[in-house]
Amino acid sequence: MLSYFMAFVIGGALCLLAQLVMDLTKPEITPGHILVGYVTIGAILSAIGLYQPLVNLGGAGATVPLSGFGHLLAQGALEGMNKSGILGAFRGGVEAAAAGIAAAVVFGYVTAVLFTPKE
């Protein structure tokens, strides 16, 4: 039960921070800036070893937001580098995230086919 609570708190805090940044900096910071910033910050924190403790504490609350995607890319790149050298560093991030990327594409396509947007 505590793991659900911690996932809620960590994930909620990440979302709250993004919302505050967007609300307090209108119109300079857009959702696109938040997207790129969170992925980049997640990768940087992962590379210096600070994101994994957050994942251990918050579980899905830390891995599902965009910063978790950056963490996944960084960990994949590091693992690829250890296995295959410099080419593995480029390939590793995409390999680590391939299932999530494929699911997003498939579910996005199915949703676009099934539903029509409203104007």
PDB file of N, CA and C in Angstrom:
ATOM      1  N   MET A   1       0.822  -1.191   0.000  1.00  0.00           N
ATOM      2  CA  MET A   1       0.000   0.000   0.000  1.00  0.00           C
ATOM      3  C   MET A   1       0.868   1.258   0.000  1.00  0.00           C
ATOM      4  N   LEU A   2       1.996   1.204   0.697  1.00  0.00           N
ATOM      5  CA  LEU A   2       2.890   2.352   0.734  1.00  0.00           C
ATOM      6  C   LEU A   2       3.480   2.647  -0.647  1.00  0.00           C
ATOM      7  N   SER A   3       3.731   1.591  -1.445  1.00  0.00           N
ATOM      8  CA  SER A   3       4.296   1.817  -2.777  1.00  0.00           C
ATOM      9  C   SER A   3       3.323   2.593  -3.672  1.00  0.00           C
ATOM     10  N   TYR A   4       2.023   2.329  -3.541  1.00  0.00           N
ATOM     11  CA  TYR A   4       1.030   3.096  -4.309  1.00  0.00           C
ATOM     12  C   TYR A   4       1.048   4.561  -3.889  1.00  0.00           C
ATOM     13  N   PHE A   5       1.115   4.785  -2.594  1.00  0.00           N
ATOM     14  CA  PHE A   5       1.137   6.145  -2.085  1.00  0.00           C
ATOM     15  C   PHE A   5       2.374   6.893  -2.570  1.00  0.00           C
ATOM     16  N   MET A   6       3.533   6.244  -2.504  1.00  0.00           N
ATOM     17  CA  MET A   6       4.772   6.896  -2.939  1.00  0.00           C
ATOM     18  C   MET A   6       4.753   7.162  -4.444  1.00  0.00           C
ATOM     19  N   ALA A   7       4.197   6.249  -5.225  1.00  0.00           N
ATOM     20  CA  ALA A   7       4.072   6.485  -6.666  1.00  0.00           C
ATOM     21  C   ALA A   7       3.191   7.696  -6.927  1.00  0.00           C
ATOM     22  N   PHE A   8       2.101   7.798  -6.186  1.00  0.00           N
ATOM     23  CA  PHE A   8       1.198   8.945  -6.322  1.00  0.00           C
ATOM     24  C   PHE A   8       1.905  10.240  -5.945  1.00  0.00           C
ATOM     25  N   VAL A   9       2.638  10.241  -4.845  1.00  0.00           N
ATOM     26  CA  VAL A   9       3.312  11.446  -4.374  1.00  0.00           C
ATOM     27  C   VAL A   9       4.413  11.878  -5.348  1.00  0.00           C
ATOM     28  N   ILE A  10       5.259  10.948  -5.770  1.00  0.00           N
ATOM     29  CA  ILE A  10       6.371  11.284  -6.666  1.00  0.00           C
ATOM     30  C   ILE A  10       5.840  11.720  -8.030  1.00  0.00           C
ATOM     31  N   GLY A  11       4.935  10.940  -8.615  1.00  0.00           N
ATOM     32  CA  GLY A  11       4.365  11.300  -9.909  1.00  0.00           C
ATOM     33  C   GLY A  11       3.601  12.611  -9.840  1.00  0.00           C
ATOM     34  N   GLY A  12       2.843  12.799  -8.777  1.00  0.00           N
ATOM     35  CA  GLY A  12       2.096  14.037  -8.599  1.00  0.00           C
ATOM     36  C   GLY A  12       3.006  15.240  -8.448  1.00  0.00           C
ATOM     37  N   ALA A  13       4.109  15.062  -7.731  1.00  0.00           N
ATOM     38  CA  ALA A  13       5.055  16.167  -7.542  1.00  0.00           C
ATOM     39  C   ALA A  13       5.698  16.565  -8.868  1.00  0.00           C
ATOM     40  N   LEU A  14       6.037  15.571  -9.694  1.00  0.00           N
ATOM     41  CA  LEU A  14       6.616  15.878 -11.004  1.00  0.00           C
ATOM     42  C   LEU A  14       5.618  16.630 -11.883  1.00  0.00           C
ATOM     43  N   CYS A  15       4.372  16.189 -11.870  1.00  0.00           N
ATOM     44  CA  CYS A  15       3.331  16.866 -12.654  1.00  0.00           C
ATOM     45  C   CYS A  15       3.040  18.262 -12.113  1.00  0.00           C
ATOM     46  N   LEU A  16       2.996  18.393 -10.798  1.00  0.00           N
ATOM     47  CA  LEU A  16       2.753  19.695 -10.176  1.00  0.00           C
ATOM     48  C   LEU A  16       3.861  20.677 -10.551  1.00  0.00           C
ATOM     49  N   LEU A  17       5.094  20.228 -10.511  1.00  0.00           N
ATOM     50  CA  LEU A  17       6.213  21.089 -10.865  1.00  0.00           C
ATOM     51  C   LEU A  17       6.091  21.579 -12.308  1.00  0.00           C
ATOM     52  N   ALA A  18       5.773  20.681 -13.220  1.00  0.00           N
ATOM     53  CA  ALA A  18       5.613  21.069 -14.629  1.00  0.00           C
ATOM     54  C   ALA A  18       4.473  22.065 -14.793  1.00  0.00           C
ATOM     55  N   GLN A  19       3.350  21.823 -14.116  1.00  0.00           N
ATOM     56  CA  GLN A  19       2.200  22.719 -14.230  1.00  0.00           C
ATOM     57  C   GLN A  19       2.525  24.100 -13.665  1.00  0.00           C
ATOM     58  N   LEU A  20       3.223  24.141 -12.544  1.00  0.00           N
ATOM     59  CA  LEU A  20       3.611  25.423 -11.966  1.00  0.00           C
ATOM     60  C   LEU A  20       4.533  26.203 -12.900  1.00  0.00           C
ATOM     61  N   VAL A  21       5.490  25.508 -13.493  1.00  0.00           N
ATOM     62  CA  VAL A  21       6.405  26.183 -14.420  1.00  0.00           C
ATOM     63  C   VAL A  21       5.627  26.766 -15.594  1.00  0.00           C
ATOM     64  N   MET A  22       4.691  25.992 -16.152  1.00  0.00           N
ATOM     65  CA  MET A  22       3.907  26.505 -17.278  1.00  0.00           C
ATOM     66  C   MET A  22       3.020  27.667 -16.864  1.00  0.00           C
ATOM     67  N   ASP A  23       2.358  27.570 -15.717  1.00  0.00           N
ATOM     68  CA  ASP A  23       1.440  28.616 -15.279  1.00  0.00           C
ATOM     69  C   ASP A  23       2.152  29.910 -14.902  1.00  0.00           C
ATOM     70  N   LEU A  24       3.310  29.791 -14.304  1.00  0.00           N
ATOM     71  CA  LEU A  24       4.018  30.974 -13.823  1.00  0.00           C
ATOM     72  C   LEU A  24       4.868  31.658 -14.887  1.00  0.00           C
ATOM     73  N   THR A  25       5.059  31.000 -16.024  1.00  0.00           N
ATOM     74  CA  THR A  25       5.910  31.573 -17.076  1.00  0.00           C
ATOM     75  C   THR A  25       5.161  31.754 -18.392  1.00  0.00           C
ATOM     76  N   LYS A  26       3.823  31.813 -18.349  1.00  0.00           N
ATOM     77  CA  LYS A  26       3.050  31.962 -19.585  1.00  0.00           C
ATOM     78  C   LYS A  26       3.491  33.200 -20.324  1.00  0.00           C
ATOM     79  N   PRO A  27       3.551  33.242 -21.602  1.00  0.00           N
ATOM     80  CA  PRO A  27       3.493  32.148 -22.558  1.00  0.00           C
ATOM     81  C   PRO A  27       4.875  31.626 -22.937  1.00  0.00           C
ATOM     82  N   GLU A  28       5.909  31.996 -22.198  1.00  0.00           N
ATOM     83  CA  GLU A  28       7.277  31.648 -22.580  1.00  0.00           C
ATOM     84  C   GLU A  28       7.554  30.144 -22.551  1.00  0.00           C
ATOM     85  N   ILE A  29       7.119  29.468 -21.507  1.00  0.00           N
ATOM     86  CA  ILE A  29       7.354  28.030 -21.383  1.00  0.00           C
ATOM     87  C   ILE A  29       6.087  27.299 -21.816  1.00  0.00           C
ATOM     88  N   THR A  30       6.216  26.495 -22.852  1.00  0.00           N
ATOM     89  CA  THR A  30       5.079  25.770 -23.414  1.00  0.00           C
ATOM     90  C   THR A  30       5.167  24.295 -23.015  1.00  0.00           C
ATOM     91  N   PRO A  31       4.111  23.522 -23.266  1.00  0.00           N
ATOM     92  CA  PRO A  31       4.204  22.079 -22.992  1.00  0.00           C
ATOM     93  C   PRO A  31       5.353  21.405 -23.743  1.00  0.00           C
ATOM     94  N   GLY A  32       5.683  21.895 -24.913  1.00  0.00           N
ATOM     95  CA  GLY A  32       6.824  21.339 -25.647  1.00  0.00           C
ATOM     96  C   GLY A  32       8.137  21.545 -24.913  1.00  0.00           C
ATOM     97  N   HIS A  33       8.287  22.717 -24.313  1.00  0.00           N
ATOM     98  CA  HIS A  33       9.487  22.973 -23.512  1.00  0.00           C
ATOM     99  C   HIS A  33       9.554  22.018 -22.319  1.00  0.00           C
ATOM    100  N   ILE A  34       8.410  21.800 -21.689  1.00  0.00           N
ATOM    101  CA  ILE A  34       8.359  20.890 -20.540  1.00  0.00           C
ATOM    102  C   ILE A  34       8.727  19.474 -20.980  1.00  0.00           C
ATOM    103  N   LEU A  35       8.193  19.041 -22.101  1.00  0.00           N
ATOM    104  CA  LEU A  35       8.487  17.701 -22.617  1.00  0.00           C
ATOM    105  C   LEU A  35       9.979  17.517 -22.810  1.00  0.00           C
ATOM    106  N   VAL A  36      10.594  18.410 -23.557  1.00  0.00           N
ATOM    107  CA  VAL A  36      12.027  18.302 -23.826  1.00  0.00           C
ATOM    108  C   VAL A  36      12.831  18.450 -22.541  1.00  0.00           C
ATOM    109  N   GLY A  37      12.428  19.381 -21.686  1.00  0.00           N
ATOM    110  CA  GLY A  37      13.148  19.585 -20.433  1.00  0.00           C
ATOM    111  C   GLY A  37      13.098  18.380 -19.519  1.00  0.00           C
ATOM    112  N   TYR A  38      11.928  17.769 -19.390  1.00  0.00           N
ATOM    113  CA  TYR A  38      11.810  16.605 -18.505  1.00  0.00           C
ATOM    114  C   TYR A  38      12.609  15.409 -19.022  1.00  0.00           C
ATOM    115  N   VAL A  39      12.570  15.163 -20.320  1.00  0.00           N
ATOM    116  CA  VAL A  39      13.356  14.047 -20.868  1.00  0.00           C
ATOM    117  C   VAL A  39      14.842  14.312 -20.645  1.00  0.00           C
ATOM    118  N   THR A  40      15.278  15.542 -20.909  1.00  0.00           N
ATOM    119  CA  THR A  40      16.688  15.891 -20.737  1.00  0.00           C
ATOM    120  C   THR A  40      17.109  15.814 -19.276  1.00  0.00           C
ATOM    121  N   ILE A  41      16.298  16.375 -18.389  1.00  0.00           N
ATOM    122  CA  ILE A  41      16.626  16.339 -16.959  1.00  0.00           C
ATOM    123  C   ILE A  41      16.662  14.892 -16.452  1.00  0.00           C
ATOM    124  N   GLY A  42      15.703  14.063 -16.901  1.00  0.00           N
ATOM    125  CA  GLY A  42      15.701  12.654 -16.505  1.00  0.00           C
ATOM    126  C   GLY A  42      16.965  11.936 -16.951  1.00  0.00           C
ATOM    127  N   ALA A  43      17.416  12.224 -18.177  1.00  0.00           N
ATOM    128  CA  ALA A  43      18.639  11.586 -18.685  1.00  0.00           C
ATOM    129  C   ALA A  43      19.864  12.061 -17.916  1.00  0.00           C
ATOM    130  N   ILE A  44      19.933  13.355 -17.643  1.00  0.00           N
ATOM    131  CA  ILE A  44      21.091  13.891 -16.908  1.00  0.00           C
ATOM    132  C   ILE A  44      21.128  13.344 -15.485  1.00  0.00           C
ATOM    133  N   LEU A  45      19.980  13.372 -14.794  1.00  0.00           N
ATOM    134  CA  LEU A  45      19.944  12.841 -13.423  1.00  0.00           C
ATOM    135  C   LEU A  45      20.269  11.350 -13.396  1.00  0.00           C
ATOM    136  N   SER A  46      19.850  10.629 -14.424  1.00  0.00           N
ATOM    137  CA  SER A  46      20.159   9.207 -14.502  1.00  0.00           C
ATOM    138  C   SER A  46      21.652   8.981 -14.715  1.00  0.00           C
ATOM    139  N   ALA A  47      22.244   9.776 -15.588  1.00  0.00           N
ATOM    140  CA  ALA A  47      23.668   9.613 -15.900  1.00  0.00           C
ATOM    141  C   ALA A  47      24.548   9.883 -14.689  1.00  0.00           C
ATOM    142  N   ILE A  48      24.127  10.797 -13.819  1.00  0.00           N
ATOM    143  CA  ILE A  48      24.949  11.083 -12.634  1.00  0.00           C
ATOM    144  C   ILE A  48      24.504  10.283 -11.407  1.00  0.00           C
ATOM    145  N   GLY A  49      23.545   9.373 -11.609  1.00  0.00           N
ATOM    146  CA  GLY A  49      23.155   8.449 -10.552  1.00  0.00           C
ATOM    147  C   GLY A  49      22.124   8.962  -9.571  1.00  0.00           C
ATOM    148  N   LEU A  50      21.440  10.055  -9.886  1.00  0.00           N
ATOM    149  CA  LEU A  50      20.467  10.608  -8.953  1.00  0.00           C
ATOM    150  C   LEU A  50      19.026  10.197  -9.246  1.00  0.00           C
ATOM    151  N   TYR A  51      18.762   9.665 -10.431  1.00  0.00           N
ATOM    152  CA  TYR A  51      17.372   9.328 -10.753  1.00  0.00           C
ATOM    153  C   TYR A  51      16.976   7.940 -10.249  1.00  0.00           C
ATOM    154  N   GLN A  52      17.907   7.014 -10.204  1.00  0.00           N
ATOM    155  CA  GLN A  52      17.590   5.654  -9.759  1.00  0.00           C
ATOM    156  C   GLN A  52      17.060   5.617  -8.330  1.00  0.00           C
ATOM    157  N   PRO A  53      17.605   6.386  -7.384  1.00  0.00           N
ATOM    158  CA  PRO A  53      16.993   6.399  -6.044  1.00  0.00           C
ATOM    159  C   PRO A  53      15.544   6.896  -6.064  1.00  0.00           C
ATOM    160  N   LEU A  54      15.226   7.831  -6.953  1.00  0.00           N
ATOM    161  CA  LEU A  54      13.849   8.301  -7.097  1.00  0.00           C
ATOM    162  C   LEU A  54      12.955   7.185  -7.630  1.00  0.00           C
ATOM    163  N   VAL A  55      13.472   6.404  -8.573  1.00  0.00           N
ATOM    164  CA  VAL A  55      12.726   5.252  -9.101  1.00  0.00           C
ATOM    165  C   VAL A  55      12.525   4.214  -8.003  1.00  0.00           C
ATOM    166  N   ASN A  56      13.553   3.963  -7.207  1.00  0.00           N
ATOM    167  CA  ASN A  56      13.430   3.005  -6.114  1.00  0.00           C
ATOM    168  C   ASN A  56      12.383   3.444  -5.094  1.00  0.00           C
ATOM    169  N   LEU A  57      12.272   4.735  -4.882  1.00  0.00           N
ATOM    170  CA  LEU A  57      11.314   5.270  -3.918  1.00  0.00           C
ATOM    171  C   LEU A  57       9.905   5.349  -4.504  1.00  0.00           C
ATOM    172  N   GLY A  58       9.775   5.876  -5.711  1.00  0.00           N
ATOM    173  CA  GLY A  58       8.460   6.160  -6.284  1.00  0.00           C
ATOM    174  C   GLY A  58       7.940   5.164  -7.289  1.00  0.00           C
ATOM    175  N   GLY A  59       8.728   4.203  -7.717  1.00  0.00           N
ATOM    176  CA  GLY A  59       8.275   3.200  -8.676  1.00  0.00           C
ATOM    177  C   GLY A  59       7.717   3.837  -9.936  1.00  0.00           C
ATOM    178  N   ALA A  60       6.478   3.464 -10.281  1.00  0.00           N
ATOM    179  CA  ALA A  60       5.847   3.962 -11.507  1.00  0.00           C
ATOM    180  C   ALA A  60       5.644   5.472 -11.466  1.00  0.00           C
ATOM    181  N   GLY A  61       5.576   6.053 -10.291  1.00  0.00           N
ATOM    182  CA  GLY A  61       5.446   7.497 -10.189  1.00  0.00           C
ATOM    183  C   GLY A  61       6.660   8.231 -10.726  1.00  0.00           C
ATOM    184  N   ALA A  62       7.795   7.533 -10.790  1.00  0.00           N
ATOM    185  CA  ALA A  62       9.013   8.130 -11.332  1.00  0.00           C
ATOM    186  C   ALA A  62       9.333   7.628 -12.736  1.00  0.00           C
ATOM    187  N   THR A  63       8.841   6.442 -13.108  1.00  0.00           N
ATOM    188  CA  THR A  63       9.188   5.901 -14.421  1.00  0.00           C
ATOM    189  C   THR A  63       8.191   6.262 -15.507  1.00  0.00           C
ATOM    190  N   VAL A  64       6.949   6.533 -15.160  1.00  0.00           N
ATOM    191  CA  VAL A  64       5.933   6.832 -16.168  1.00  0.00           C
ATOM    192  C   VAL A  64       6.041   8.255 -16.725  1.00  0.00           C
ATOM    193  N   PRO A  65       6.320   9.286 -15.917  1.00  0.00           N
ATOM    194  CA  PRO A  65       6.438  10.634 -16.491  1.00  0.00           C
ATOM    195  C   PRO A  65       7.599  10.729 -17.485  1.00  0.00           C
ATOM    196  N   LEU A  66       7.668  11.825 -18.185  1.00  0.00           N
ATOM    197  CA  LEU A  66       8.680  12.005 -19.222  1.00  0.00           C
ATOM    198  C   LEU A  66      10.102  11.927 -18.687  1.00  0.00           C
ATOM    199  N   SER A  67      10.320  12.320 -17.458  1.00  0.00           N
ATOM    200  CA  SER A  67      11.662  12.207 -16.885  1.00  0.00           C
ATOM    201  C   SER A  67      12.075  10.739 -16.789  1.00  0.00           C
ATOM    202  N   GLY A  68      11.111   9.841 -16.600  1.00  0.00           N
ATOM    203  CA  GLY A  68      11.392   8.409 -16.596  1.00  0.00           C
ATOM    204  C   GLY A  68      11.825   7.915 -17.963  1.00  0.00           C
ATOM    205  N   PHE A  69      11.279   8.524 -19.026  1.00  0.00           N
ATOM    206  CA  PHE A  69      11.697   8.176 -20.386  1.00  0.00           C
ATOM    207  C   PHE A  69      13.150   8.585 -20.607  1.00  0.00           C
ATOM    208  N   GLY A  70      13.530   9.752 -20.116  1.00  0.00           N
ATOM    209  CA  GLY A  70      14.925  10.176 -20.201  1.00  0.00           C
ATOM    210  C   GLY A  70      15.838   9.240 -19.437  1.00  0.00           C
ATOM    211  N   HIS A  71      15.383   8.804 -18.262  1.00  0.00           N
ATOM    212  CA  HIS A  71      16.139   7.836 -17.456  1.00  0.00           C
ATOM    213  C   HIS A  71      16.318   6.533 -18.231  1.00  0.00           C
ATOM    214  N   LEU A  72      15.252   6.054 -18.854  1.00  0.00           N
ATOM    215  CA  LEU A  72      15.309   4.816 -19.638  1.00  0.00           C
ATOM    216  C   LEU A  72      16.288   4.948 -20.798  1.00  0.00           C
ATOM    217  N   LEU A  73      16.249   6.072 -21.504  1.00  0.00           N
ATOM    218  CA  LEU A  73      17.176   6.291 -22.617  1.00  0.00           C
ATOM    219  C   LEU A  73      18.627   6.309 -22.135  1.00  0.00           C
ATOM    220  N   ALA A  74      18.874   7.004 -21.038  1.00  0.00           N
ATOM    221  CA  ALA A  74      20.240   7.088 -20.519  1.00  0.00           C
ATOM    222  C   ALA A  74      20.754   5.728 -20.063  1.00  0.00           C
ATOM    223  N   GLN A  75      19.917   4.974 -19.354  1.00  0.00           N
ATOM    224  CA  GLN A  75      20.340   3.651 -18.894  1.00  0.00           C
ATOM    225  C   GLN A  75      20.604   2.714 -20.084  1.00  0.00           C
ATOM    226  N   GLY A  76      19.745   2.795 -21.099  1.00  0.00           N
ATOM    227  CA  GLY A  76      19.957   1.989 -22.307  1.00  0.00           C
ATOM    228  C   GLY A  76      21.242   2.367 -23.017  1.00  0.00           C
ATOM    229  N   ALA A  77      21.524   3.660 -23.100  1.00  0.00           N
ATOM    230  CA  ALA A  77      22.757   4.115 -23.746  1.00  0.00           C
ATOM    231  C   ALA A  77      23.988   3.652 -22.973  1.00  0.00           C
ATOM    232  N   LEU A  78      23.933   3.733 -21.654  1.00  0.00           N
ATOM    233  CA  LEU A  78      25.062   3.267 -20.840  1.00  0.00           C
ATOM    234  C   LEU A  78      25.268   1.766 -20.987  1.00  0.00           C
ATOM    235  N   GLU A  79      24.171   1.016 -20.983  1.00  0.00           N
ATOM    236  CA  GLU A  79      24.273  -0.439 -21.149  1.00  0.00           C
ATOM    237  C   GLU A  79      24.805  -0.795 -22.533  1.00  0.00           C
ATOM    238  N   GLY A  80      24.315  -0.099 -23.564  1.00  0.00           N
ATOM    239  CA  GLY A  80      24.804  -0.330 -24.921  1.00  0.00           C
ATOM    240  C   GLY A  80      26.273   0.004 -25.058  1.00  0.00           C
ATOM    241  N   MET A  81      26.701   1.056 -24.395  1.00  0.00           N
ATOM    242  CA  MET A  81      28.116   1.451 -24.422  1.00  0.00           C
ATOM    243  C   MET A  81      28.986   0.367 -23.807  1.00  0.00           C
ATOM    244  N   ASN A  82      28.516  -0.209 -22.699  1.00  0.00           N
ATOM    245  CA  ASN A  82      29.286  -1.263 -22.044  1.00  0.00           C
ATOM    246  C   ASN A  82      29.358  -2.521 -22.897  1.00  0.00           C
ATOM    247  N   LYS A  83      28.303  -2.810 -23.661  1.00  0.00           N
ATOM    248  CA  LYS A  83      28.267  -4.023 -24.483  1.00  0.00           C
ATOM    249  C   LYS A  83      28.994  -3.866 -25.812  1.00  0.00           C
ATOM    250  N   SER A  84      28.749  -2.737 -26.494  1.00  0.00           N
ATOM    251  CA  SER A  84      29.192  -2.619 -27.889  1.00  0.00           C
ATOM    252  C   SER A  84      30.035  -1.393 -28.185  1.00  0.00           C
ATOM    253  N   GLY A  85      30.447  -0.671 -27.192  1.00  0.00           N
ATOM    254  CA  GLY A  85      31.266   0.511 -27.441  1.00  0.00           C
ATOM    255  C   GLY A  85      30.434   1.704 -27.870  1.00  0.00           C
ATOM    256  N   ILE A  86      31.046   2.585 -28.627  1.00  0.00           N
ATOM    257  CA  ILE A  86      30.411   3.852 -28.967  1.00  0.00           C
ATOM    258  C   ILE A  86      29.151   3.672 -29.813  1.00  0.00           C
ATOM    259  N   LEU A  87      29.149   2.711 -30.721  1.00  0.00           N
ATOM    260  CA  LEU A  87      27.932   2.470 -31.507  1.00  0.00           C
ATOM    261  C   LEU A  87      26.799   1.953 -30.634  1.00  0.00           C
ATOM    262  N   GLY A  88      27.139   1.188 -29.637  1.00  0.00           N
ATOM    263  CA  GLY A  88      26.134   0.694 -28.696  1.00  0.00           C
ATOM    264  C   GLY A  88      25.502   1.811 -27.891  1.00  0.00           C
ATOM    265  N   ALA A  89      26.250   2.877 -27.648  1.00  0.00           N
ATOM    266  CA  ALA A  89      25.704   4.022 -26.912  1.00  0.00           C
ATOM    267  C   ALA A  89      24.584   4.678 -27.705  1.00  0.00           C
ATOM    268  N   PHE A  90      24.729   4.745 -29.022  1.00  0.00           N
ATOM    269  CA  PHE A  90      23.679   5.322 -29.862  1.00  0.00           C
ATOM    270  C   PHE A  90      22.485   4.384 -29.998  1.00  0.00           C
ATOM    271  N   ARG A  91      22.761   3.103 -30.086  1.00  0.00           N
ATOM    272  CA  ARG A  91      21.711   2.112 -30.293  1.00  0.00           C
ATOM    273  C   ARG A  91      20.999   1.731 -29.000  1.00  0.00           C
ATOM    274  N   GLY A  92      21.679   1.757 -27.879  1.00  0.00           N
ATOM    275  CA  GLY A  92      21.152   1.246 -26.623  1.00  0.00           C
ATOM    276  C   GLY A  92      19.915   1.954 -26.117  1.00  0.00           C
ATOM    277  N   GLY A  93      19.863   3.269 -26.231  1.00  0.00           N
ATOM    278  CA  GLY A  93      18.703   4.012 -25.759  1.00  0.00           C
ATOM    279  C   GLY A  93      17.443   3.655 -26.514  1.00  0.00           C
ATOM    280  N   VAL A  94      17.573   3.529 -27.824  1.00  0.00           N
ATOM    281  CA  VAL A  94      16.410   3.181 -28.646  1.00  0.00           C
ATOM    282  C   VAL A  94      15.977   1.746 -28.376  1.00  0.00           C
ATOM    283  N   GLU A  95      16.929   0.848 -28.207  1.00  0.00           N
ATOM    284  CA  GLU A  95      16.579  -0.541 -27.893  1.00  0.00           C
ATOM    285  C   GLU A  95      15.857  -0.636 -26.553  1.00  0.00           C
ATOM    286  N   ALA A  96      16.303   0.119 -25.570  1.00  0.00           N
ATOM    287  CA  ALA A  96      15.681   0.073 -24.247  1.00  0.00           C
ATOM    288  C   ALA A  96      14.256   0.601 -24.279  1.00  0.00           C
ATOM    289  N   ALA A  97      13.999   1.575 -25.126  1.00  0.00           N
ATOM    290  CA  ALA A  97      12.682   2.218 -25.176  1.00  0.00           C
ATOM    291  C   ALA A  97      11.798   1.704 -26.312  1.00  0.00           C
ATOM    292  N   ALA A  98      12.256   0.699 -27.055  1.00  0.00           N
ATOM    293  CA  ALA A  98      11.550   0.255 -28.257  1.00  0.00           C
ATOM    294  C   ALA A  98      10.115  -0.205 -27.982  1.00  0.00           C
ATOM    295  N   ALA A  99       9.894  -0.951 -26.930  1.00  0.00           N
ATOM    296  CA  ALA A  99       8.548  -1.452 -26.650  1.00  0.00           C
ATOM    297  C   ALA A  99       7.586  -0.305 -26.354  1.00  0.00           C
ATOM    298  N   GLY A 100       8.020   0.665 -25.568  1.00  0.00           N
ATOM    299  CA  GLY A 100       7.170   1.806 -25.249  1.00  0.00           C
ATOM    300  C   GLY A 100       6.892   2.671 -26.465  1.00  0.00           C
ATOM    301  N   ILE A 101       7.897   2.876 -27.298  1.00  0.00           N
ATOM    302  CA  ILE A 101       7.718   3.666 -28.511  1.00  0.00           C
ATOM    303  C   ILE A 101       6.767   2.961 -29.464  1.00  0.00           C
ATOM    304  N   ALA A 102       6.943   1.652 -29.638  1.00  0.00           N
ATOM    305  CA  ALA A 102       6.051   0.891 -30.526  1.00  0.00           C
ATOM    306  C   ALA A 102       4.619   0.917 -30.012  1.00  0.00           C
ATOM    307  N   ALA A 103       4.429   0.771 -28.710  1.00  0.00           N
ATOM    308  CA  ALA A 103       3.077   0.813 -28.143  1.00  0.00           C
ATOM    309  C   ALA A 103       2.433   2.174 -28.380  1.00  0.00           C
ATOM    310  N   ALA A 104       3.197   3.250 -28.211  1.00  0.00           N
ATOM    311  CA  ALA A 104       2.660   4.594 -28.433  1.00  0.00           C
ATOM    312  C   ALA A 104       2.223   4.776 -29.879  1.00  0.00           C
ATOM    313  N   VAL A 105       3.017   4.288 -30.810  1.00  0.00           N
ATOM    314  CA  VAL A 105       2.669   4.409 -32.230  1.00  0.00           C
ATOM    315  C   VAL A 105       1.418   3.595 -32.550  1.00  0.00           C
ATOM    316  N   VAL A 106       1.368   2.346 -32.108  1.00  0.00           N
ATOM    317  CA  VAL A 106       0.217   1.482 -32.403  1.00  0.00           C
ATOM    318  C   VAL A 106      -1.056   2.024 -31.768  1.00  0.00           C
ATOM    319  N   PHE A 107      -1.001   2.363 -30.486  1.00  0.00           N
ATOM    320  CA  PHE A 107      -2.210   2.859 -29.819  1.00  0.00           C
ATOM    321  C   PHE A 107      -2.638   4.223 -30.366  1.00  0.00           C
ATOM    322  N   GLY A 108      -1.677   5.051 -30.751  1.00  0.00           N
ATOM    323  CA  GLY A 108      -2.007   6.325 -31.373  1.00  0.00           C
ATOM    324  C   GLY A 108      -2.704   6.133 -32.703  1.00  0.00           C
ATOM    325  N   TYR A 109      -2.219   5.177 -33.496  1.00  0.00           N
ATOM    326  CA  TYR A 109      -2.839   4.888 -34.786  1.00  0.00           C
ATOM    327  C   TYR A 109      -4.249   4.333 -34.606  1.00  0.00           C
ATOM    328  N   VAL A 110      -4.408   3.373 -33.706  1.00  0.00           N
ATOM    329  CA  VAL A 110      -5.727   2.776 -33.468  1.00  0.00           C
ATOM    330  C   VAL A 110      -6.711   3.838 -32.980  1.00  0.00           C
ATOM    331  N   THR A 111      -6.276   4.706 -32.100  1.00  0.00           N
ATOM    332  CA  THR A 111      -7.148   5.781 -31.607  1.00  0.00           C
ATOM    333  C   THR A 111      -7.528   6.716 -32.737  1.00  0.00           C
ATOM    334  N   ALA A 112      -6.604   7.042 -33.618  1.00  0.00           N
ATOM    335  CA  ALA A 112      -6.893   7.935 -34.734  1.00  0.00           C
ATOM    336  C   ALA A 112      -7.878   7.306 -35.705  1.00  0.00           C
ATOM    337  N   VAL A 113      -7.811   5.995 -35.879  1.00  0.00           N
ATOM    338  CA  VAL A 113      -8.739   5.312 -36.781  1.00  0.00           C
ATOM    339  C   VAL A 113     -10.129   5.220 -36.173  1.00  0.00           C
ATOM    340  N   LEU A 114     -10.219   4.952 -34.882  1.00  0.00           N
ATOM    341  CA  LEU A 114     -11.511   4.723 -34.233  1.00  0.00           C
ATOM    342  C   LEU A 114     -12.284   5.997 -33.923  1.00  0.00           C
ATOM    343  N   PHE A 115     -11.600   7.075 -33.667  1.00  0.00           N
ATOM    344  CA  PHE A 115     -12.266   8.301 -33.220  1.00  0.00           C
ATOM    345  C   PHE A 115     -11.957   9.442 -34.151  1.00  0.00           C
ATOM    346  N   THR A 116     -12.964  10.293 -34.370  1.00  0.00           N
ATOM    347  CA  THR A 116     -12.751  11.489 -35.185  1.00  0.00           C
ATOM    348  C   THR A 116     -12.633  12.704 -34.270  1.00  0.00           C
ATOM    349  N   PRO A 117     -11.664  13.575 -34.553  1.00  0.00           N
ATOM    350  CA  PRO A 117     -11.505  14.752 -33.707  1.00  0.00           C
ATOM    351  C   PRO A 117     -12.644  15.754 -33.915  1.00  0.00           C
ATOM    352  N   LYS A 118     -12.935  16.480 -32.879  1.00  0.00           N
ATOM    353  CA  LYS A 118     -13.952  17.540 -32.960  1.00  0.00           C
ATOM    354  C   LYS A 118     -13.258  18.868 -33.170  1.00  0.00           C
ATOM    355  N   GLU A 119     -13.939  19.744 -33.874  1.00  0.00           N
ATOM    356  CA  GLU A 119     -13.341  21.050 -34.143  1.00  0.00           C
ATOM    357  C   GLU A 119     -13.596  22.015 -33.028  1.00  0.00           C
TER     358      GLU A 119
END
